[in-house]
């Protein structure tokens, strides 16, 4: 028996916050990349690359929110939420290309240093710091309830740190004229990008392989289900992600009395939603006699 779809669409204000934040970060990333190229600053170019990852994360979060609200169709019976994983996979692969390009430029810059305009670097990085604080403010009220928005908040926090590193690079150049600090600190920013990208790819591939959603324990879920009144045991238990905002579960539930199934089903649905956030539930009731026959006993 399948639970009717229980949608959790984000409020339109939440989505506007995501789109507005993405517009801010994308615009500034383009400006920062242009200034970084003009000022010969790899720190600014690296920070611009990091802000590009933030933009992608914000857009994927908005995409997930929009797709989750679309109704299933006869052709796509689960809806289009899985497209979010595909978009995130493409994003992660593109960011690996960005990291590779930045690393190549860092190696070239260490071998052949160029003069860096420290005042410009520190000023632009400071503006980026302020904008990151603004984006955090826009996301702050919603980041605790949605997985993708939590990821977006973490991305912006790491970019805030990257802006601080770029600003320090500019200040060191202003006061010491040590231009080698620019490519060296750029490596730190690249490390942030690489860590975020690899983490994203790991989670995306896990979702595409229909792994148990991160943070959930299949054993714990099965144990709690089996401990509910009227339930003897649970087997053939599966939990997977339909999208970042929707989780699905299917299982066979062995009962003491099939006549109690309606109340047991409602109890299990409520528990799974409240304790684990699982809203798409398919359960098959069974009796001990039927289980023994299926096992050849």
C-alpha atoms as a PDB file:
ATOM      1  CA  UNK A   1       0.000   0.000   0.000  1.00  0.00           C
ATOM      2  CA  UNK A   2       1.419   3.366  -0.959  1.00  0.00           C
ATOM      3  CA  UNK A   3       1.111   6.557   0.979  1.00  0.00           C
ATOM      4  CA  UNK A   4      -0.352   9.446  -1.014  1.00  0.00           C
ATOM      5  CA  UNK A   5       2.258  11.962  -2.100  1.00  0.00           C
ATOM      6  CA  UNK A   6       3.080  14.400   0.667  1.00  0.00           C
ATOM      7  CA  UNK A   7       4.828  17.375  -0.940  1.00  0.00           C
ATOM      8  CA  UNK A   8       7.005  19.803   0.995  1.00  0.00           C
ATOM      9  CA  UNK A   9       7.420  22.690  -1.491  1.00  0.00           C
ATOM     10  CA  UNK A  10       9.557  25.616  -0.418  1.00  0.00           C
ATOM     11  CA  UNK A  11       7.780  28.896  -0.020  1.00  0.00           C
ATOM     12  CA  UNK A  12       8.091  31.257  -2.954  1.00  0.00           C
ATOM     13  CA  UNK A  13      10.025  33.658  -0.715  1.00  0.00           C
ATOM     14  CA  UNK A  14      12.595  30.922  -0.077  1.00  0.00           C
ATOM     15  CA  UNK A  15      13.038  30.351  -3.811  1.00  0.00           C
ATOM     16  CA  UNK A  16      13.346  34.078  -4.463  1.00  0.00           C
ATOM     17  CA  UNK A  17      16.088  34.189  -1.844  1.00  0.00           C
ATOM     18  CA  UNK A  18      17.945  31.412  -3.658  1.00  0.00           C
ATOM     19  CA  UNK A  19      17.626  33.079  -7.068  1.00  0.00           C
ATOM     20  CA  UNK A  20      18.610  36.494  -5.709  1.00  0.00           C
ATOM     21  CA  UNK A  21      21.618  35.005  -3.913  1.00  0.00           C
ATOM     22  CA  UNK A  22      22.657  33.167  -7.084  1.00  0.00           C
ATOM     23  CA  UNK A  23      22.375  36.391  -9.106  1.00  0.00           C
ATOM     24  CA  UNK A  24      24.571  38.238  -6.585  1.00  0.00           C
ATOM     25  CA  UNK A  25      27.278  35.567  -6.506  1.00  0.00           C
ATOM     26  CA  UNK A  26      27.311  35.039 -10.289  1.00  0.00           C
ATOM     27  CA  UNK A  27      27.545  38.771 -11.022  1.00  0.00           C
ATOM     28  CA  UNK A  28      30.306  39.277  -8.510  1.00  0.00           C
ATOM     29  CA  UNK A  29      32.179  36.163  -9.685  1.00  0.00           C
ATOM     30  CA  UNK A  30      32.287  37.629 -13.209  1.00  0.00           C
ATOM     31  CA  UNK A  31      33.494  41.007 -11.896  1.00  0.00           C
ATOM     32  CA  UNK A  32      36.056  39.400  -9.593  1.00  0.00           C
ATOM     33  CA  UNK A  33      37.402  37.187 -12.381  1.00  0.00           C
ATOM     34  CA  UNK A  34      37.786  40.203 -14.683  1.00  0.00           C
ATOM     35  CA  UNK A  35      39.540  42.282 -12.025  1.00  0.00           C
ATOM     36  CA  UNK A  36      41.682  39.308 -11.011  1.00  0.00           C
ATOM     37  CA  UNK A  37      42.832  38.888 -14.600  1.00  0.00           C
ATOM     38  CA  UNK A  38      43.627  42.611 -14.870  1.00  0.00           C
ATOM     39  CA  UNK A  39      45.412  42.708 -11.496  1.00  0.00           C
ATOM     40  CA  UNK A  40      47.367  39.474 -12.176  1.00  0.00           C
ATOM     41  CA  UNK A  41      45.875  37.965  -8.998  1.00  0.00           C
ATOM     42  CA  UNK A  42      45.355  34.227  -8.894  1.00  0.00           C
ATOM     43  CA  UNK A  43      43.828  34.639  -5.440  1.00  0.00           C
ATOM     44  CA  UNK A  44      40.988  36.683  -6.940  1.00  0.00           C
ATOM     45  CA  UNK A  45      40.629  34.296  -9.877  1.00  0.00           C
ATOM     46  CA  UNK A  46      40.503  31.339  -7.479  1.00  0.00           C
ATOM     47  CA  UNK A  47      37.961  33.093  -5.280  1.00  0.00           C
ATOM     48  CA  UNK A  48      35.880  33.820  -8.387  1.00  0.00           C
ATOM     49  CA  UNK A  49      35.993  30.113  -9.193  1.00  0.00           C
ATOM     50  CA  UNK A  50      34.861  29.348  -5.664  1.00  0.00           C
ATOM     51  CA  UNK A  51      31.969  31.799  -5.990  1.00  0.00           C
ATOM     52  CA  UNK A  52      31.030  30.021  -9.200  1.00  0.00           C
ATOM     53  CA  UNK A  53      30.634  26.811  -7.186  1.00  0.00           C
ATOM     54  CA  UNK A  54      28.384  28.756  -4.796  1.00  0.00           C
ATOM     55  CA  UNK A  55      26.271  29.938  -7.720  1.00  0.00           C
ATOM     56  CA  UNK A  56      25.925  26.389  -9.012  1.00  0.00           C
ATOM     57  CA  UNK A  57      24.932  25.112  -5.570  1.00  0.00           C
ATOM     58  CA  UNK A  58      22.317  27.843  -5.162  1.00  0.00           C
ATOM     59  CA  UNK A  59      20.868  27.175  -8.615  1.00  0.00           C
ATOM     60  CA  UNK A  60      20.752  23.422  -7.957  1.00  0.00           C
ATOM     61  CA  UNK A  61      18.927  24.102  -4.682  1.00  0.00           C
ATOM     62  CA  UNK A  62      16.422  26.279  -6.550  1.00  0.00           C
ATOM     63  CA  UNK A  63      16.096  23.630  -9.268  1.00  0.00           C
ATOM     64  CA  UNK A  64      15.402  20.982  -6.643  1.00  0.00           C
ATOM     65  CA  UNK A  65      12.750  23.157  -5.006  1.00  0.00           C
ATOM     66  CA  UNK A  66      11.048  23.776  -8.358  1.00  0.00           C
ATOM     67  CA  UNK A  67      11.196  20.176  -9.583  1.00  0.00           C
ATOM     68  CA  UNK A  68       9.894  18.805  -6.295  1.00  0.00           C
ATOM     69  CA  UNK A  69       6.718  20.848  -6.737  1.00  0.00           C
ATOM     70  CA  UNK A  70       6.002  19.416 -10.187  1.00  0.00           C
ATOM     71  CA  UNK A  71       3.403  16.676 -10.197  1.00  0.00           C
ATOM     72  CA  UNK A  72       4.266  13.118 -11.332  1.00  0.00           C
ATOM     73  CA  UNK A  73       3.088  12.126 -14.804  1.00  0.00           C
ATOM     74  CA  UNK A  74       2.278   8.757 -16.427  1.00  0.00           C
ATOM     75  CA  UNK A  75       5.716   8.959 -18.070  1.00  0.00           C
ATOM     76  CA  UNK A  76       7.593  10.031 -14.906  1.00  0.00           C
ATOM     77  CA  UNK A  77       5.651   8.432 -12.070  1.00  0.00           C
ATOM     78  CA  UNK A  78       8.091   9.663  -9.405  1.00  0.00           C
ATOM     79  CA  UNK A  79       8.242  13.172 -10.815  1.00  0.00           C
ATOM     80  CA  UNK A  80      11.390  14.948 -12.021  1.00  0.00           C
ATOM     81  CA  UNK A  81      13.256  15.336  -8.740  1.00  0.00           C
ATOM     82  CA  UNK A  82      16.050  13.003  -9.877  1.00  0.00           C
ATOM     83  CA  UNK A  83      17.072  15.614 -12.478  1.00  0.00           C
ATOM     84  CA  UNK A  84      18.543  17.526  -9.546  1.00  0.00           C
ATOM     85  CA  UNK A  85      21.187  14.800  -9.144  1.00  0.00           C
ATOM     86  CA  UNK A  86      22.068  14.984 -12.834  1.00  0.00           C
ATOM     87  CA  UNK A  87      22.461  18.771 -12.656  1.00  0.00           C
ATOM     88  CA  UNK A  88      24.668  18.426  -9.579  1.00  0.00           C
ATOM     89  CA  UNK A  89      26.803  15.793 -11.325  1.00  0.00           C
ATOM     90  CA  UNK A  90      27.385  18.087 -14.316  1.00  0.00           C
ATOM     91  CA  UNK A  91      28.194  20.930 -11.934  1.00  0.00           C
ATOM     92  CA  UNK A  92      30.755  18.824 -10.072  1.00  0.00           C
ATOM     93  CA  UNK A  93      32.503  17.684 -13.243  1.00  0.00           C
ATOM     94  CA  UNK A  94      32.706  21.258 -14.552  1.00  0.00           C
ATOM     95  CA  UNK A  95      34.218  22.417 -11.262  1.00  0.00           C
ATOM     96  CA  UNK A  96      36.947  19.774 -11.573  1.00  0.00           C
ATOM     97  CA  UNK A  97      37.843  21.409 -14.895  1.00  0.00           C
ATOM     98  CA  UNK A  98      37.937  24.831 -13.174  1.00  0.00           C
ATOM     99  CA  UNK A  99      40.235  23.450 -10.455  1.00  0.00           C
ATOM    100  CA  UNK A 100      42.581  21.968 -13.068  1.00  0.00           C
ATOM    101  CA  UNK A 101      42.844  25.287 -14.942  1.00  0.00           C
ATOM    102  CA  UNK A 102      43.560  27.221 -11.732  1.00  0.00           C
ATOM    103  CA  UNK A 103      46.252  24.736 -10.628  1.00  0.00           C
ATOM    104  CA  UNK A 104      47.980  24.993 -14.017  1.00  0.00           C
ATOM    105  CA  UNK A 105      47.995  28.792 -13.689  1.00  0.00           C
ATOM    106  CA  UNK A 106      49.371  28.578 -10.145  1.00  0.00           C
ATOM    107  CA  UNK A 107      52.287  26.417 -11.313  1.00  0.00           C
ATOM    108  CA  UNK A 108      53.030  28.843 -14.153  1.00  0.00           C
ATOM    109  CA  UNK A 109      52.820  31.844 -11.816  1.00  0.00           C
ATOM    110  CA  UNK A 110      55.258  30.290  -9.317  1.00  0.00           C
ATOM    111  CA  UNK A 111      57.718  29.642 -12.145  1.00  0.00           C
ATOM    112  CA  UNK A 112      57.245  33.089 -13.701  1.00  0.00           C
ATOM    113  CA  UNK A 113      55.992  35.614 -11.105  1.00  0.00           C
ATOM    114  CA  UNK A 114      54.084  38.679 -12.315  1.00  0.00           C
ATOM    115  CA  UNK A 115      53.478  41.986 -10.519  1.00  0.00           C
ATOM    116  CA  UNK A 116      50.202  41.921  -8.569  1.00  0.00           C
ATOM    117  CA  UNK A 117      48.137  45.017  -7.736  1.00  0.00           C
ATOM    118  CA  UNK A 118      47.768  44.414  -4.005  1.00  0.00           C
ATOM    119  CA  UNK A 119      45.459  47.369  -3.306  1.00  0.00           C
ATOM    120  CA  UNK A 120      43.004  46.205  -5.951  1.00  0.00           C
ATOM    121  CA  UNK A 121      43.112  42.618  -4.701  1.00  0.00           C
ATOM    122  CA  UNK A 122      42.406  43.530  -1.066  1.00  0.00           C
ATOM    123  CA  UNK A 123      39.632  45.980  -2.011  1.00  0.00           C
ATOM    124  CA  UNK A 124      37.801  43.573  -4.331  1.00  0.00           C
ATOM    125  CA  UNK A 125      38.180  40.720  -1.838  1.00  0.00           C
ATOM    126  CA  UNK A 126      36.695  42.904   0.908  1.00  0.00           C
ATOM    127  CA  UNK A 127      33.683  43.663  -1.295  1.00  0.00           C
ATOM    128  CA  UNK A 128      33.312  39.916  -1.856  1.00  0.00           C
ATOM    129  CA  UNK A 129      33.409  39.386   1.900  1.00  0.00           C
ATOM    130  CA  UNK A 130      30.556  41.859   2.384  1.00  0.00           C
ATOM    131  CA  UNK A 131      28.494  40.238  -0.379  1.00  0.00           C
ATOM    132  CA  UNK A 132      29.003  36.790   1.147  1.00  0.00           C
ATOM    133  CA  UNK A 133      27.690  38.104   4.463  1.00  0.00           C
ATOM    134  CA  UNK A 134      24.649  39.458   2.579  1.00  0.00           C
ATOM    135  CA  UNK A 135      24.044  36.092   0.903  1.00  0.00           C
ATOM    136  CA  UNK A 136      24.320  34.327   4.269  1.00  0.00           C
ATOM    137  CA  UNK A 137      21.684  36.701   5.604  1.00  0.00           C
ATOM    138  CA  UNK A 138      19.390  35.883   2.670  1.00  0.00           C
ATOM    139  CA  UNK A 139      19.809  32.144   3.239  1.00  0.00           C
ATOM    140  CA  UNK A 140      20.024  32.154   7.020  1.00  0.00           C
ATOM    141  CA  UNK A 141      16.325  31.823   7.699  1.00  0.00           C
ATOM    142  CA  UNK A 142      15.893  28.725   5.535  1.00  0.00           C
ATOM    143  CA  UNK A 143      19.135  26.774   5.674  1.00  0.00           C
ATOM    144  CA  UNK A 144      18.138  24.490   8.562  1.00  0.00           C
ATOM    145  CA  UNK A 145      15.128  22.859   6.912  1.00  0.00           C
ATOM    146  CA  UNK A 146      16.328  21.888   3.454  1.00  0.00           C
ATOM    147  CA  UNK A 147      19.317  19.725   2.589  1.00  0.00           C
ATOM    148  CA  UNK A 148      20.290  21.676  -0.531  1.00  0.00           C
ATOM    149  CA  UNK A 149      20.005  25.014   1.222  1.00  0.00           C
ATOM    150  CA  UNK A 150      22.189  23.742   4.065  1.00  0.00           C
ATOM    151  CA  UNK A 151      24.762  22.784   1.446  1.00  0.00           C
ATOM    152  CA  UNK A 152      24.448  26.265  -0.092  1.00  0.00           C
ATOM    153  CA  UNK A 153      25.050  27.888   3.302  1.00  0.00           C
ATOM    154  CA  UNK A 154      28.184  25.766   3.819  1.00  0.00           C
ATOM    155  CA  UNK A 155      29.443  26.745   0.354  1.00  0.00           C
ATOM    156  CA  UNK A 156      28.956  30.441   1.086  1.00  0.00           C
ATOM    157  CA  UNK A 157      30.710  30.083   4.458  1.00  0.00           C
ATOM    158  CA  UNK A 158      33.731  28.512   2.775  1.00  0.00           C
ATOM    159  CA  UNK A 159      33.701  31.266   0.140  1.00  0.00           C
ATOM    160  CA  UNK A 160      33.616  33.859   2.900  1.00  0.00           C
ATOM    161  CA  UNK A 161      36.827  32.300   4.210  1.00  0.00           C
ATOM    162  CA  UNK A 162      38.261  32.320   0.673  1.00  0.00           C
ATOM    163  CA  UNK A 163      37.517  36.061   0.416  1.00  0.00           C
ATOM    164  CA  UNK A 164      39.390  36.630   3.671  1.00  0.00           C
ATOM    165  CA  UNK A 165      42.369  34.684   2.292  1.00  0.00           C
ATOM    166  CA  UNK A 166      42.348  36.749  -0.925  1.00  0.00           C
ATOM    167  CA  UNK A 167      42.129  39.964   1.100  1.00  0.00           C
ATOM    168  CA  UNK A 168      45.106  38.884   3.227  1.00  0.00           C
ATOM    169  CA  UNK A 169      47.027  38.111   0.046  1.00  0.00           C
ATOM    170  CA  UNK A 170      46.442  41.659  -1.221  1.00  0.00           C
ATOM    171  CA  UNK A 171      47.439  43.224   2.109  1.00  0.00           C
ATOM    172  CA  UNK A 172      50.662  41.194   2.282  1.00  0.00           C
ATOM    173  CA  UNK A 173      51.573  42.364  -1.227  1.00  0.00           C
ATOM    174  CA  UNK A 174      50.782  45.994  -0.333  1.00  0.00           C
ATOM    175  CA  UNK A 175      53.004  46.012   2.761  1.00  0.00           C
ATOM    176  CA  UNK A 176      55.784  43.576   1.752  1.00  0.00           C
ATOM    177  CA  UNK A 177      55.670  43.439  -2.072  1.00  0.00           C
ATOM    178  CA  UNK A 178      55.934  39.635  -1.754  1.00  0.00           C
ATOM    179  CA  UNK A 179      53.908  38.625  -4.826  1.00  0.00           C
ATOM    180  CA  UNK A 180      54.557  34.905  -4.362  1.00  0.00           C
ATOM    181  CA  UNK A 181      51.971  34.957  -1.560  1.00  0.00           C
ATOM    182  CA  UNK A 182      49.245  35.296  -4.205  1.00  0.00           C
ATOM    183  CA  UNK A 183      49.694  31.877  -5.904  1.00  0.00           C
ATOM    184  CA  UNK A 184      50.536  30.197  -2.587  1.00  0.00           C
ATOM    185  CA  UNK A 185      47.338  31.342  -0.891  1.00  0.00           C
ATOM    186  CA  UNK A 186      45.455  30.508  -4.073  1.00  0.00           C
ATOM    187  CA  UNK A 187      46.278  26.873  -3.352  1.00  0.00           C
ATOM    188  CA  UNK A 188      44.253  27.132  -0.139  1.00  0.00           C
ATOM    189  CA  UNK A 189      41.247  28.436  -2.041  1.00  0.00           C
ATOM    190  CA  UNK A 190      41.635  25.664  -4.626  1.00  0.00           C
ATOM    191  CA  UNK A 191      41.662  23.171  -1.752  1.00  0.00           C
ATOM    192  CA  UNK A 192      38.281  24.541  -0.595  1.00  0.00           C
ATOM    193  CA  UNK A 193      36.865  24.194  -4.113  1.00  0.00           C
ATOM    194  CA  UNK A 194      38.230  20.664  -4.520  1.00  0.00           C
ATOM    195  CA  UNK A 195      36.905  19.534  -1.136  1.00  0.00           C
ATOM    196  CA  UNK A 196      33.430  20.931  -1.850  1.00  0.00           C
ATOM    197  CA  UNK A 197      33.386  19.441  -5.344  1.00  0.00           C
ATOM    198  CA  UNK A 198      34.499  15.952  -4.310  1.00  0.00           C
ATOM    199  CA  UNK A 199      31.983  15.948  -1.470  1.00  0.00           C
ATOM    200  CA  UNK A 200      29.245  16.984  -3.896  1.00  0.00           C
ATOM    201  CA  UNK A 201      30.192  14.266  -6.381  1.00  0.00           C
ATOM    202  CA  UNK A 202      30.260  11.630  -3.639  1.00  0.00           C
ATOM    203  CA  UNK A 203      26.755  12.547  -2.484  1.00  0.00           C
ATOM    204  CA  UNK A 204      25.429  12.757  -6.050  1.00  0.00           C
ATOM    205  CA  UNK A 205      26.766   9.340  -7.040  1.00  0.00           C
ATOM    206  CA  UNK A 206      25.428   7.885  -3.792  1.00  0.00           C
ATOM    207  CA  UNK A 207      21.991   9.280  -4.635  1.00  0.00           C
ATOM    208  CA  UNK A 208      22.071   8.063  -8.240  1.00  0.00           C
ATOM    209  CA  UNK A 209      22.990   4.575  -6.982  1.00  0.00           C
ATOM    210  CA  UNK A 210      19.906   4.773  -4.721  1.00  0.00           C
ATOM    211  CA  UNK A 211      21.993   4.452  -1.580  1.00  0.00           C
ATOM    212  CA  UNK A 212      20.480   4.982   1.851  1.00  0.00           C
ATOM    213  CA  UNK A 213      20.303   8.781   2.312  1.00  0.00           C
ATOM    214  CA  UNK A 214      23.239  10.183   4.256  1.00  0.00           C
ATOM    215  CA  UNK A 215      22.430  10.628   7.920  1.00  0.00           C
ATOM    216  CA  UNK A 216      19.943   7.748   8.013  1.00  0.00           C
ATOM    217  CA  UNK A 217      20.573   4.217   9.296  1.00  0.00           C
ATOM    218  CA  UNK A 218      18.698   1.373   7.633  1.00  0.00           C
ATOM    219  CA  UNK A 219      19.184  -0.747  10.757  1.00  0.00           C
ATOM    220  CA  UNK A 220      17.808   1.957  13.056  1.00  0.00           C
ATOM    221  CA  UNK A 221      14.751   2.488  10.839  1.00  0.00           C
ATOM    222  CA  UNK A 222      14.013  -1.241  10.647  1.00  0.00           C
ATOM    223  CA  UNK A 223      14.453  -1.675  14.396  1.00  0.00           C
ATOM    224  CA  UNK A 224      12.076   1.175  15.198  1.00  0.00           C
ATOM    225  CA  UNK A 225       9.489  -0.095  12.714  1.00  0.00           C
ATOM    226  CA  UNK A 226       9.636  -3.599  14.205  1.00  0.00           C
ATOM    227  CA  UNK A 227       9.175  -2.161  17.710  1.00  0.00           C
ATOM    228  CA  UNK A 228       5.834  -0.507  16.903  1.00  0.00           C
ATOM    229  CA  UNK A 229       2.690  -2.046  18.435  1.00  0.00           C
ATOM    230  CA  UNK A 230       1.287  -4.941  16.411  1.00  0.00           C
ATOM    231  CA  UNK A 231       4.461  -5.424  14.313  1.00  0.00           C
ATOM    232  CA  UNK A 232       6.399  -8.691  14.655  1.00  0.00           C
ATOM    233  CA  UNK A 233       9.221  -8.003  12.197  1.00  0.00           C
ATOM    234  CA  UNK A 234      10.258  -6.081   9.090  1.00  0.00           C
ATOM    235  CA  UNK A 235      12.151  -7.394   6.060  1.00  0.00           C
ATOM    236  CA  UNK A 236      12.974  -6.394   2.457  1.00  0.00           C
ATOM    237  CA  UNK A 237      13.484  -2.851   3.757  1.00  0.00           C
ATOM    238  CA  UNK A 238      14.719  -0.240   1.263  1.00  0.00           C
ATOM    239  CA  UNK A 239      15.228   3.512   1.694  1.00  0.00           C
ATOM    240  CA  UNK A 240      16.359   5.878  -1.072  1.00  0.00           C
ATOM    241  CA  UNK A 241      16.157   9.485  -2.269  1.00  0.00           C
ATOM    242  CA  UNK A 242      13.668  10.608  -4.896  1.00  0.00           C
ATOM    243  CA  UNK A 243      15.253  14.072  -4.658  1.00  0.00           C
ATOM    244  CA  UNK A 244      17.108  16.026  -2.001  1.00  0.00           C
ATOM    245  CA  UNK A 245      13.758  16.918  -0.428  1.00  0.00           C
ATOM    246  CA  UNK A 246      11.862  13.637  -0.840  1.00  0.00           C
ATOM    247  CA  UNK A 247      12.739  10.246   0.619  1.00  0.00           C
ATOM    248  CA  UNK A 248      11.083   6.929  -0.200  1.00  0.00           C
ATOM    249  CA  UNK A 249      10.770   3.646   1.693  1.00  0.00           C
ATOM    250  CA  UNK A 250       9.418   0.202   0.879  1.00  0.00           C
ATOM    251  CA  UNK A 251       9.230  -2.828   3.172  1.00  0.00           C
ATOM    252  CA  UNK A 252       7.380  -6.011   4.082  1.00  0.00           C
ATOM    253  CA  UNK A 253       5.787  -5.812   7.537  1.00  0.00           C
ATOM    254  CA  UNK A 254       4.942  -9.006   9.446  1.00  0.00           C
ATOM    255  CA  UNK A 255       1.888  -8.501  11.681  1.00  0.00           C
ATOM    256  CA  UNK A 256       0.300 -10.283  14.593  1.00  0.00           C
ATOM    257  CA  UNK A 257      -3.176  -9.561  13.220  1.00  0.00           C
ATOM    258  CA  UNK A 258      -4.034  -8.348   9.707  1.00  0.00           C
ATOM    259  CA  UNK A 259      -7.231  -6.802  11.047  1.00  0.00           C
ATOM    260  CA  UNK A 260      -5.100  -4.134  12.762  1.00  0.00           C
ATOM    261  CA  UNK A 261      -3.377  -3.137   9.508  1.00  0.00           C
ATOM    262  CA  UNK A 262      -5.085   0.222   9.001  1.00  0.00           C
ATOM    263  CA  UNK A 263      -4.074   1.567  12.409  1.00  0.00           C
ATOM    264  CA  UNK A 264      -0.563   0.070  12.146  1.00  0.00           C
ATOM    265  CA  UNK A 265      -0.097   1.604   8.689  1.00  0.00           C
ATOM    266  CA  UNK A 266      -1.086   5.062   9.924  1.00  0.00           C
ATOM    267  CA  UNK A 267       1.234   4.690  12.921  1.00  0.00           C
ATOM    268  CA  UNK A 268       4.195   3.655  10.748  1.00  0.00           C
ATOM    269  CA  UNK A 269       3.595   6.452   8.240  1.00  0.00           C
ATOM    270  CA  UNK A 270       3.484   9.058  10.990  1.00  0.00           C
ATOM    271  CA  UNK A 271       6.615   7.708  12.686  1.00  0.00           C
ATOM    272  CA  UNK A 272       8.630   7.522   9.452  1.00  0.00           C
ATOM    273  CA  UNK A 273       7.687  11.075   8.488  1.00  0.00           C
ATOM    274  CA  UNK A 274       8.245  12.621  11.913  1.00  0.00           C
ATOM    275  CA  UNK A 275      11.434  10.748  12.868  1.00  0.00           C
ATOM    276  CA  UNK A 276      13.165  10.342   9.496  1.00  0.00           C
ATOM    277  CA  UNK A 277      11.492  12.734   7.038  1.00  0.00           C
ATOM    278  CA  UNK A 278      10.364   9.840   4.804  1.00  0.00           C
ATOM    279  CA  UNK A 279       7.162  10.869   3.053  1.00  0.00           C
ATOM    280  CA  UNK A 280       6.760   8.308   0.241  1.00  0.00           C
ATOM    281  CA  UNK A 281       6.031   4.991   1.981  1.00  0.00           C
ATOM    282  CA  UNK A 282       5.065   1.649   0.413  1.00  0.00           C
ATOM    283  CA  UNK A 283       4.408  -1.196   2.876  1.00  0.00           C
ATOM    284  CA  UNK A 284       3.235  -4.764   2.265  1.00  0.00           C
ATOM    285  CA  UNK A 285       1.514  -6.487   5.228  1.00  0.00           C
ATOM    286  CA  UNK A 286       2.226 -10.168   5.862  1.00  0.00           C
ATOM    287  CA  UNK A 287       1.435 -12.842   8.430  1.00  0.00           C
ATOM    288  CA  UNK A 288       4.027 -15.214   9.970  1.00  0.00           C
ATOM    289  CA  UNK A 289       2.398 -18.146   8.135  1.00  0.00           C
ATOM    290  CA  UNK A 290       2.780 -16.461   4.745  1.00  0.00           C
ATOM    291  CA  UNK A 291       6.424 -15.606   5.459  1.00  0.00           C
ATOM    292  CA  UNK A 292       7.189 -19.225   6.364  1.00  0.00           C
ATOM    293  CA  UNK A 293       5.524 -20.468   3.156  1.00  0.00           C
ATOM    294  CA  UNK A 294       7.534 -18.028   1.021  1.00  0.00           C
ATOM    295  CA  UNK A 295      10.731 -19.233   2.681  1.00  0.00           C
ATOM    296  CA  UNK A 296       9.837 -22.864   2.022  1.00  0.00           C
ATOM    297  CA  UNK A 297       9.371 -23.790   5.666  1.00  0.00           C
END
